[in-house]
Amino acid sequence: LPDAEAEAAESAHPSGERLVRRGTPIGF
């Protein structure tokens, strides 16, 4: 997911987390 959508998903779903690859956020 794009960063803004991943951030919104993380806010809406507290059990979720950002998906990071090599230090770069790539999703949720």
PDB file of all heavy atoms in Angstrom:
ATOM      1  N   LEU A   1       0.844  -1.199   0.000  1.00  0.00           N
ATOM      2  CA  LEU A   1       0.000   0.000   0.000  1.00  0.00           C
ATOM      3  C   LEU A   1       0.873   1.241   0.000  1.00  0.00           C
ATOM      4  O   LEU A   1       1.969   1.234   0.575  1.00  0.00           O
ATOM      5  CB  LEU A   1      -0.889   0.033   1.250  1.00  0.00           C
ATOM      6  CG  LEU A   1      -1.985  -1.004   1.358  1.00  0.00           C
ATOM      7  CD1 LEU A   1      -2.584  -0.987   2.754  1.00  0.00           C
ATOM      8  CD2 LEU A   1      -3.057  -0.750   0.321  1.00  0.00           C
ATOM      9  N   PRO A   2       0.366   2.326  -0.590  1.00  0.00           N
ATOM     10  CA  PRO A   2       1.077   3.602  -0.468  1.00  0.00           C
ATOM     11  C   PRO A   2       1.142   4.004   1.005  1.00  0.00           C
ATOM     12  O   PRO A   2       0.316   3.593   1.821  1.00  0.00           O
ATOM     13  CB  PRO A   2       0.209   4.588  -1.259  1.00  0.00           C
ATOM     14  CG  PRO A   2      -0.689   3.758  -2.085  1.00  0.00           C
ATOM     15  CD  PRO A   2      -0.839   2.439  -1.395  1.00  0.00           C
ATOM     16  N   ASP A   3       2.125   4.823   1.342  1.00  0.00           N
ATOM     17  CA  ASP A   3       2.387   5.195   2.726  1.00  0.00           C
ATOM     18  C   ASP A   3       1.156   5.746   3.444  1.00  0.00           C
ATOM     19  O   ASP A   3       0.850   5.348   4.566  1.00  0.00           O
ATOM     20  CB  ASP A   3       3.542   6.204   2.778  1.00  0.00           C
ATOM     21  CG  ASP A   3       4.222   6.206   4.121  1.00  0.00           C
ATOM     22  OD1 ASP A   3       4.408   5.122   4.698  1.00  0.00           O
ATOM     23  OD2 ASP A   3       4.554   7.310   4.598  1.00  0.00           O
ATOM     24  N   ALA A   4       0.440   6.653   2.803  1.00  0.00           N
ATOM     25  CA  ALA A   4      -0.727   7.274   3.451  1.00  0.00           C
ATOM     26  C   ALA A   4      -1.810   6.236   3.743  1.00  0.00           C
ATOM     27  O   ALA A   4      -2.439   6.270   4.815  1.00  0.00           O
ATOM     28  CB  ALA A   4      -1.285   8.391   2.576  1.00  0.00           C
ATOM     29  N   GLU A   5      -2.035   5.323   2.821  1.00  0.00           N
ATOM     30  CA  GLU A   5      -3.072   4.299   3.031  1.00  0.00           C
ATOM     31  C   GLU A   5      -2.635   3.288   4.091  1.00  0.00           C
ATOM     32  O   GLU A   5      -3.459   2.811   4.871  1.00  0.00           O
ATOM     33  CB  GLU A   5      -3.421   3.620   1.712  1.00  0.00           C
ATOM     34  CG  GLU A   5      -4.136   4.565   0.766  1.00  0.00           C
ATOM     35  CD  GLU A   5      -4.648   3.900  -0.482  1.00  0.00           C
ATOM     36  OE1 GLU A   5      -5.187   2.778  -0.390  1.00  0.00           O
ATOM     37  OE2 GLU A   5      -4.515   4.515  -1.550  1.00  0.00           O
ATOM     38  N   ALA A   6      -1.350   2.965   4.125  1.00  0.00           N
ATOM     39  CA  ALA A   6      -0.844   2.053   5.154  1.00  0.00           C
ATOM     40  C   ALA A   6      -0.975   2.694   6.531  1.00  0.00           C
ATOM     41  O   ALA A   6      -1.337   2.027   7.503  1.00  0.00           O
ATOM     42  CB  ALA A   6       0.605   1.689   4.863  1.00  0.00           C
ATOM     43  N   GLU A   7      -0.718   3.979   6.602  1.00  0.00           N
ATOM     44  CA  GLU A   7      -0.849   4.701   7.872  1.00  0.00           C
ATOM     45  C   GLU A   7      -2.301   4.711   8.344  1.00  0.00           C
ATOM     46  O   GLU A   7      -2.594   4.477   9.521  1.00  0.00           O
ATOM     47  CB  GLU A   7      -0.347   6.136   7.696  1.00  0.00           C
ATOM     48  CG  GLU A   7      -0.260   6.915   8.981  1.00  0.00           C
ATOM     49  CD  GLU A   7       0.344   8.294   8.774  1.00  0.00           C
ATOM     50  OE1 GLU A   7       1.249   8.442   7.939  1.00  0.00           O
ATOM     51  OE2 GLU A   7      -0.119   9.224   9.465  1.00  0.00           O
ATOM     52  N   ALA A   8      -3.228   4.940   7.418  1.00  0.00           N
ATOM     53  CA  ALA A   8      -4.650   4.932   7.759  1.00  0.00           C
ATOM     54  C   ALA A   8      -5.085   3.535   8.205  1.00  0.00           C
ATOM     55  O   ALA A   8      -5.851   3.386   9.163  1.00  0.00           O
ATOM     56  CB  ALA A   8      -5.480   5.394   6.565  1.00  0.00           C
ATOM     57  N   ALA A   9      -4.588   2.500   7.522  1.00  0.00           N
ATOM     58  CA  ALA A   9      -4.933   1.120   7.889  1.00  0.00           C
ATOM     59  C   ALA A   9      -4.406   0.792   9.281  1.00  0.00           C
ATOM     60  O   ALA A   9      -5.089   0.147  10.075  1.00  0.00           O
ATOM     61  CB  ALA A   9      -4.365   0.149   6.861  1.00  0.00           C
ATOM     62  N   GLU A  10      -3.206   1.275   9.590  1.00  0.00           N
ATOM     63  CA  GLU A  10      -2.620   1.019  10.900  1.00  0.00           C
ATOM     64  C   GLU A  10      -3.441   1.697  12.004  1.00  0.00           C
ATOM     65  O   GLU A  10      -3.645   1.128  13.073  1.00  0.00           O
ATOM     66  CB  GLU A  10      -1.179   1.526  10.921  1.00  0.00           C
ATOM     67  CG  GLU A  10      -0.410   1.121  12.148  1.00  0.00           C
ATOM     68  CD  GLU A  10       1.047   1.548  12.070  1.00  0.00           C
ATOM     69  OE1 GLU A  10       1.365   2.534  11.386  1.00  0.00           O
ATOM     70  OE2 GLU A  10       1.854   0.876  12.732  1.00  0.00           O
ATOM     71  N   SER A  11      -3.945   2.886  11.728  1.00  0.00           N
ATOM     72  CA  SER A  11      -4.791   3.594  12.699  1.00  0.00           C
ATOM     73  C   SER A  11      -6.114   2.870  12.914  1.00  0.00           C
ATOM     74  O   SER A  11      -6.615   2.798  14.034  1.00  0.00           O
ATOM     75  CB  SER A  11      -5.079   5.016  12.217  1.00  0.00           C
ATOM     76  OG  SER A  11      -3.900   5.766  12.185  1.00  0.00           O
ATOM     77  N   ALA A  12      -6.684   2.332  11.837  1.00  0.00           N
ATOM     78  CA  ALA A  12      -7.979   1.662  11.919  1.00  0.00           C
ATOM     79  C   ALA A  12      -7.886   0.254  12.503  1.00  0.00           C
ATOM     80  O   ALA A  12      -8.874  -0.269  13.021  1.00  0.00           O
ATOM     81  CB  ALA A  12      -8.622   1.604  10.532  1.00  0.00           C
ATOM     82  N   HIS A  13      -6.706  -0.364  12.405  1.00  0.00           N
ATOM     83  CA  HIS A  13      -6.535  -1.756  12.853  1.00  0.00           C
ATOM     84  C   HIS A  13      -5.313  -1.843  13.762  1.00  0.00           C
ATOM     85  O   HIS A  13      -4.201  -2.121  13.301  1.00  0.00           O
ATOM     86  CB  HIS A  13      -6.392  -2.680  11.642  1.00  0.00           C
ATOM     87  CG  HIS A  13      -7.531  -2.561  10.688  1.00  0.00           C
ATOM     88  ND1 HIS A  13      -8.763  -3.104  10.933  1.00  0.00           N
ATOM     89  CD2 HIS A  13      -7.639  -1.912   9.501  1.00  0.00           C
ATOM     90  CE1 HIS A  13      -9.579  -2.809   9.929  1.00  0.00           C
ATOM     91  NE2 HIS A  13      -8.916  -2.079   9.055  1.00  0.00           N
ATOM     92  N   PRO A  14      -5.505  -1.640  15.068  1.00  0.00           N
ATOM     93  CA  PRO A  14      -4.381  -1.581  16.011  1.00  0.00           C
ATOM     94  C   PRO A  14      -3.537  -2.856  16.076  1.00  0.00           C
ATOM     95  O   PRO A  14      -2.371  -2.795  16.435  1.00  0.00           O
ATOM     96  CB  PRO A  14      -5.035  -1.311  17.356  1.00  0.00           C
ATOM     97  CG  PRO A  14      -6.459  -0.988  17.092  1.00  0.00           C
ATOM     98  CD  PRO A  14      -6.778  -1.398  15.699  1.00  0.00           C
ATOM     99  N   SER A  15      -4.103  -3.995  15.701  1.00  0.00           N
ATOM    100  CA  SER A  15      -3.319  -5.239  15.738  1.00  0.00           C
ATOM    101  C   SER A  15      -2.425  -5.373  14.507  1.00  0.00           C
ATOM    102  O   SER A  15      -1.613  -6.287  14.425  1.00  0.00           O
ATOM    103  CB  SER A  15      -4.234  -6.458  15.851  1.00  0.00           C
ATOM    104  OG  SER A  15      -5.056  -6.551  14.705  1.00  0.00           O
ATOM    105  N   GLY A  16      -2.576  -4.459  13.564  1.00  0.00           N
ATOM    106  CA  GLY A  16      -1.751  -4.476  12.355  1.00  0.00           C
ATOM    107  C   GLY A  16      -0.464  -3.711  12.563  1.00  0.00           C
ATOM    108  O   GLY A  16      -0.250  -3.054  13.581  1.00  0.00           O
ATOM    109  N   GLU A  17       0.398  -3.812  11.566  1.00  0.00           N
ATOM    110  CA  GLU A  17       1.678  -3.125  11.625  1.00  0.00           C
ATOM    111  C   GLU A  17       2.137  -2.761  10.221  1.00  0.00           C
ATOM    112  O   GLU A  17       1.679  -3.348   9.242  1.00  0.00           O
ATOM    113  CB  GLU A  17       2.733  -3.997  12.299  1.00  0.00           C
ATOM    114  CG  GLU A  17       2.998  -5.302  11.543  1.00  0.00           C
ATOM    115  CD  GLU A  17       3.890  -6.270  12.288  1.00  0.00           C
ATOM    116  OE1 GLU A  17       4.329  -5.956  13.409  1.00  0.00           O
ATOM    117  OE2 GLU A  17       4.145  -7.355  11.744  1.00  0.00           O
ATOM    118  N   ARG A  18       3.025  -1.803  10.155  1.00  0.00           N
ATOM    119  CA  ARG A  18       3.584  -1.410   8.866  1.00  0.00           C
ATOM    120  C   ARG A  18       4.449  -2.537   8.337  1.00  0.00           C
ATOM    121  O   ARG A  18       5.135  -3.228   9.086  1.00  0.00           O
ATOM    122  CB  ARG A  18       4.433  -0.144   9.005  1.00  0.00           C
ATOM    123  CG  ARG A  18       3.649   1.071   9.466  1.00  0.00           C
ATOM    124  CD  ARG A  18       2.541   1.468   8.503  1.00  0.00           C
ATOM    125  NE  ARG A  18       2.989   2.165   7.334  1.00  0.00           N
ATOM    126  CZ  ARG A  18       3.247   3.455   7.262  1.00  0.00           C
ATOM    127  NH1 ARG A  18       3.085   4.210   8.324  1.00  0.00           N
ATOM    128  NH2 ARG A  18       3.651   3.995   6.156  1.00  0.00           N
ATOM    129  N   LEU A  19       4.415  -2.728   7.043  1.00  0.00           N
ATOM    130  CA  LEU A  19       5.246  -3.714   6.370  1.00  0.00           C
ATOM    131  C   LEU A  19       6.455  -2.960   5.827  1.00  0.00           C
ATOM    132  O   LEU A  19       6.304  -2.017   5.047  1.00  0.00           O
ATOM    133  CB  LEU A  19       4.436  -4.366   5.239  1.00  0.00           C
ATOM    134  CG  LEU A  19       5.028  -5.522   4.484  1.00  0.00           C
ATOM    135  CD1 LEU A  19       5.383  -6.655   5.433  1.00  0.00           C
ATOM    136  CD2 LEU A  19       4.040  -6.032   3.450  1.00  0.00           C
ATOM    137  N   VAL A  20       7.641  -3.349   6.283  1.00  0.00           N
ATOM    138  CA  VAL A  20       8.866  -2.630   5.921  1.00  0.00           C
ATOM    139  C   VAL A  20       9.840  -3.599   5.272  1.00  0.00           C
ATOM    140  O   VAL A  20      10.039  -4.718   5.755  1.00  0.00           O
ATOM    141  CB  VAL A  20       9.512  -1.989   7.182  1.00  0.00           C
ATOM    142  CG1 VAL A  20      10.797  -1.280   6.830  1.00  0.00           C
ATOM    143  CG2 VAL A  20       8.532  -1.038   7.852  1.00  0.00           C
ATOM    144  N   ARG A  21      10.433  -3.175   4.179  1.00  0.00           N
ATOM    145  CA  ARG A  21      11.451  -3.973   3.498  1.00  0.00           C
ATOM    146  C   ARG A  21      12.691  -3.098   3.327  1.00  0.00           C
ATOM    147  O   ARG A  21      12.611  -2.021   2.740  1.00  0.00           O
ATOM    148  CB  ARG A  21      10.965  -4.464   2.138  1.00  0.00           C
ATOM    149  CG  ARG A  21      12.007  -5.329   1.436  1.00  0.00           C
ATOM    150  CD  ARG A  21      11.534  -5.911   0.113  1.00  0.00           C
ATOM    151  NE  ARG A  21      10.453  -6.858   0.356  1.00  0.00           N
ATOM    152  CZ  ARG A  21       9.405  -7.004  -0.438  1.00  0.00           C
ATOM    153  NH1 ARG A  21       9.282  -6.271  -1.526  1.00  0.00           N
ATOM    154  NH2 ARG A  21       8.470  -7.877  -0.163  1.00  0.00           N
ATOM    155  N   ARG A  22      13.811  -3.575   3.857  1.00  0.00           N
ATOM    156  CA  ARG A  22      15.092  -2.853   3.782  1.00  0.00           C
ATOM    157  C   ARG A  22      14.975  -1.413   4.278  1.00  0.00           C
ATOM    158  O   ARG A  22      15.487  -0.486   3.657  1.00  0.00           O
ATOM    159  CB  ARG A  22      15.643  -2.893   2.365  1.00  0.00           C
ATOM    160  CG  ARG A  22      15.967  -4.284   1.896  1.00  0.00           C
ATOM    161  CD  ARG A  22      16.564  -4.271   0.524  1.00  0.00           C
ATOM    162  NE  ARG A  22      16.700  -5.653   0.064  1.00  0.00           N
ATOM    163  CZ  ARG A  22      16.756  -6.003  -1.193  1.00  0.00           C
ATOM    164  NH1 ARG A  22      16.717  -5.092  -2.137  1.00  0.00           N
ATOM    165  NH2 ARG A  22      16.878  -7.265  -1.523  1.00  0.00           N
ATOM    166  N   GLY A  23      14.234  -1.239   5.355  1.00  0.00           N
ATOM    167  CA  GLY A  23      14.096   0.077   5.953  1.00  0.00           C
ATOM    168  C   GLY A  23      13.073   0.987   5.300  1.00  0.00           C
ATOM    169  O   GLY A  23      12.846   2.095   5.757  1.00  0.00           O
ATOM    170  N   THR A  24      12.429   0.525   4.218  1.00  0.00           N
ATOM    171  CA  THR A  24      11.445   1.339   3.510  1.00  0.00           C
ATOM    172  C   THR A  24      10.052   0.776   3.732  1.00  0.00           C
ATOM    173  O   THR A  24       9.820  -0.414   3.490  1.00  0.00           O
ATOM    174  CB  THR A  24      11.756   1.353   1.994  1.00  0.00           C
ATOM    175  OG1 THR A  24      13.080   1.819   1.803  1.00  0.00           O
ATOM    176  CG2 THR A  24      10.781   2.225   1.239  1.00  0.00           C
ATOM    177  N   PRO A  25       9.092   1.606   4.178  1.00  0.00           N
ATOM    178  CA  PRO A  25       7.720   1.111   4.340  1.00  0.00           C
ATOM    179  C   PRO A  25       7.108   0.793   2.966  1.00  0.00           C
ATOM    180  O   PRO A  25       7.188   1.607   2.054  1.00  0.00           O
ATOM    181  CB  PRO A  25       6.974   2.269   5.000  1.00  0.00           C
ATOM    182  CG  PRO A  25       7.928   3.399   5.138  1.00  0.00           C
ATOM    183  CD  PRO A  25       9.239   2.993   4.573  1.00  0.00           C
ATOM    184  N   ILE A  26       6.551  -0.419   2.863  1.00  0.00           N
ATOM    185  CA  ILE A  26       5.953  -0.827   1.583  1.00  0.00           C
ATOM    186  C   ILE A  26       4.494  -1.239   1.707  1.00  0.00           C
ATOM    187  O   ILE A  26       3.857  -1.557   0.714  1.00  0.00           O
ATOM    188  CB  ILE A  26       6.748  -1.979   0.921  1.00  0.00           C
ATOM    189  CG1 ILE A  26       6.738  -3.221   1.810  1.00  0.00           C
ATOM    190  CG2 ILE A  26       8.157  -1.545   0.574  1.00  0.00           C
ATOM    191  CD1 ILE A  26       7.187  -4.484   1.109  1.00  0.00           C
ATOM    192  N   GLY A  27       3.961  -1.236   2.923  1.00  0.00           N
ATOM    193  CA  GLY A  27       2.571  -1.648   3.054  1.00  0.00           C
ATOM    194  C   GLY A  27       2.145  -1.875   4.486  1.00  0.00           C
ATOM    195  O   GLY A  27       2.639  -1.234   5.405  1.00  0.00           O
ATOM    196  N   PHE A  28       1.245  -2.835   4.632  1.00  0.00           N
ATOM    197  CA  PHE A  28       0.575  -3.074   5.907  1.00  0.00           C
ATOM    198  C   PHE A  28       0.342  -4.565   6.073  1.00  0.00           C
ATOM    199  O   PHE A  28       0.062  -5.271   5.106  1.00  0.00           O
ATOM    200  CB  PHE A  28      -0.757  -2.321   5.893  1.00  0.00           C
ATOM    201  CG  PHE A  28      -1.591  -2.494   7.124  1.00  0.00           C
ATOM    202  CD1 PHE A  28      -1.183  -1.967   8.341  1.00  0.00           C
ATOM    203  CD2 PHE A  28      -2.799  -3.159   7.059  1.00  0.00           C
ATOM    204  CE1 PHE A  28      -1.964  -2.114   9.478  1.00  0.00           C
ATOM    205  CE2 PHE A  28      -3.586  -3.308   8.184  1.00  0.00           C
ATOM    206  CZ  PHE A  28      -3.162  -2.778   9.396  1.00  0.00           C
TER     207      PHE A  28
END
